[in-house]
Amino acid sequence: MQQCETVGEDGVKLSANWDHGTLRTTSVNSAYEGHMFLLFITEQVEAWPEKDICERTWI
């Protein structure tokens, strides 16, 4: 797993498993490719640099 740090934007630290495959979709005028990965939250902080302009919401 790769460690990711998004504390500045979201106030969380993550571990990511990058081996879940590639997603491809096409429409009439374009084609898109994306990569699917599973994120594990390893730490959540209450104060982070962009807290005043970013809202953290869990769904």
C-alpha atoms as a PDB file:
ATOM      1  CA  MET A   1       0.000   0.000   0.000  1.00  0.00           C
ATOM      2  CA  GLN A   2       1.106   3.510  -0.740  1.00  0.00           C
ATOM      3  CA  GLN A   3       0.815   6.240   1.877  1.00  0.00           C
ATOM      4  CA  CYS A   4      -0.968   9.436   0.812  1.00  0.00           C
ATOM      5  CA  GLU A   5      -1.210  12.636   2.778  1.00  0.00           C
ATOM      6  CA  THR A   6      -4.124  14.994   2.189  1.00  0.00           C
ATOM      7  CA  VAL A   7      -3.976  16.806   5.522  1.00  0.00           C
ATOM      8  CA  GLY A   8      -3.695  20.207   3.819  1.00  0.00           C
ATOM      9  CA  GLU A   9      -6.970  19.863   1.916  1.00  0.00           C
ATOM     10  CA  ASP A  10      -9.070  17.361   3.858  1.00  0.00           C
ATOM     11  CA  GLY A  11      -7.477  16.875   7.247  1.00  0.00           C
ATOM     12  CA  VAL A  12      -6.911  13.148   6.693  1.00  0.00           C
ATOM     13  CA  LYS A  13      -4.015  10.780   6.049  1.00  0.00           C
ATOM     14  CA  LEU A  14      -4.673   7.816   3.780  1.00  0.00           C
ATOM     15  CA  SER A  15      -3.299   4.471   2.696  1.00  0.00           C
ATOM     16  CA  ALA A  16      -4.165   3.497  -0.858  1.00  0.00           C
ATOM     17  CA  ASN A  17      -4.142   0.150  -2.618  1.00  0.00           C
ATOM     18  CA  TRP A  18      -3.631   0.943  -6.304  1.00  0.00           C
ATOM     19  CA  ASP A  19      -4.338  -2.577  -7.670  1.00  0.00           C
ATOM     20  CA  HIS A  20      -8.083  -2.447  -8.304  1.00  0.00           C
ATOM     21  CA  GLY A  21      -8.018  -1.961 -12.064  1.00  0.00           C
ATOM     22  CA  THR A  22      -8.776   0.503 -14.829  1.00  0.00           C
ATOM     23  CA  LEU A  23     -12.179   1.905 -15.733  1.00  0.00           C
ATOM     24  CA  ARG A  24     -12.923   2.842 -19.331  1.00  0.00           C
ATOM     25  CA  THR A  25     -15.996   4.545 -20.736  1.00  0.00           C
ATOM     26  CA  THR A  26     -16.860   6.078 -24.065  1.00  0.00           C
ATOM     27  CA  SER A  27     -19.537   8.453 -25.261  1.00  0.00           C
ATOM     28  CA  VAL A  28     -20.398   9.804 -28.692  1.00  0.00           C
ATOM     29  CA  ASN A  29     -17.618  12.407 -28.717  1.00  0.00           C
ATOM     30  CA  SER A  30     -15.048  11.228 -26.176  1.00  0.00           C
ATOM     31  CA  ALA A  31     -13.435   8.384 -24.278  1.00  0.00           C
ATOM     32  CA  TYR A  32     -12.306   8.386 -20.658  1.00  0.00           C
ATOM     33  CA  GLU A  33      -9.978   6.172 -18.678  1.00  0.00           C
ATOM     34  CA  GLY A  34      -9.633   6.196 -14.910  1.00  0.00           C
ATOM     35  CA  HIS A  35      -8.020   4.078 -12.249  1.00  0.00           C
ATOM     36  CA  MET A  36      -9.966   2.627  -9.329  1.00  0.00           C
ATOM     37  CA  PHE A  37      -8.371   2.398  -5.901  1.00  0.00           C
ATOM     38  CA  LEU A  38      -9.500   1.772  -2.362  1.00  0.00           C
ATOM     39  CA  LEU A  39      -8.557   4.353   0.286  1.00  0.00           C
ATOM     40  CA  PHE A  40      -8.133   3.596   3.970  1.00  0.00           C
ATOM     41  CA  ILE A  41      -8.211   6.551   6.357  1.00  0.00           C
ATOM     42  CA  THR A  42      -5.330   6.151   8.795  1.00  0.00           C
ATOM     43  CA  GLU A  43      -5.696   9.464  10.635  1.00  0.00           C
ATOM     44  CA  GLN A  44      -8.258  12.282  10.811  1.00  0.00           C
ATOM     45  CA  VAL A  45      -7.302  15.633  12.325  1.00  0.00           C
ATOM     46  CA  GLU A  46      -9.666  18.317  13.616  1.00  0.00           C
ATOM     47  CA  ALA A  47      -7.601  21.292  12.413  1.00  0.00           C
ATOM     48  CA  TRP A  48      -5.916  21.518   8.999  1.00  0.00           C
ATOM     49  CA  PRO A  49      -4.598  24.378   6.826  1.00  0.00           C
ATOM     50  CA  GLU A  50      -7.642  24.678   4.519  1.00  0.00           C
ATOM     51  CA  LYS A  51     -10.365  24.045   7.121  1.00  0.00           C
ATOM     52  CA  ASP A  52     -11.799  27.548   6.662  1.00  0.00           C
ATOM     53  CA  ILE A  53     -12.390  27.048   2.919  1.00  0.00           C
ATOM     54  CA  CYS A  54     -12.973  23.257   2.680  1.00  0.00           C
ATOM     55  CA  GLU A  55     -15.767  21.288   4.304  1.00  0.00           C
ATOM     56  CA  ARG A  56     -15.164  17.634   5.152  1.00  0.00           C
ATOM     57  CA  THR A  57     -18.297  15.536   4.697  1.00  0.00           C
ATOM     58  CA  TRP A  58     -18.540  11.748   4.971  1.00  0.00           C
ATOM     59  CA  ILE A  59     -21.135   9.868   2.969  1.00  0.00           C
END
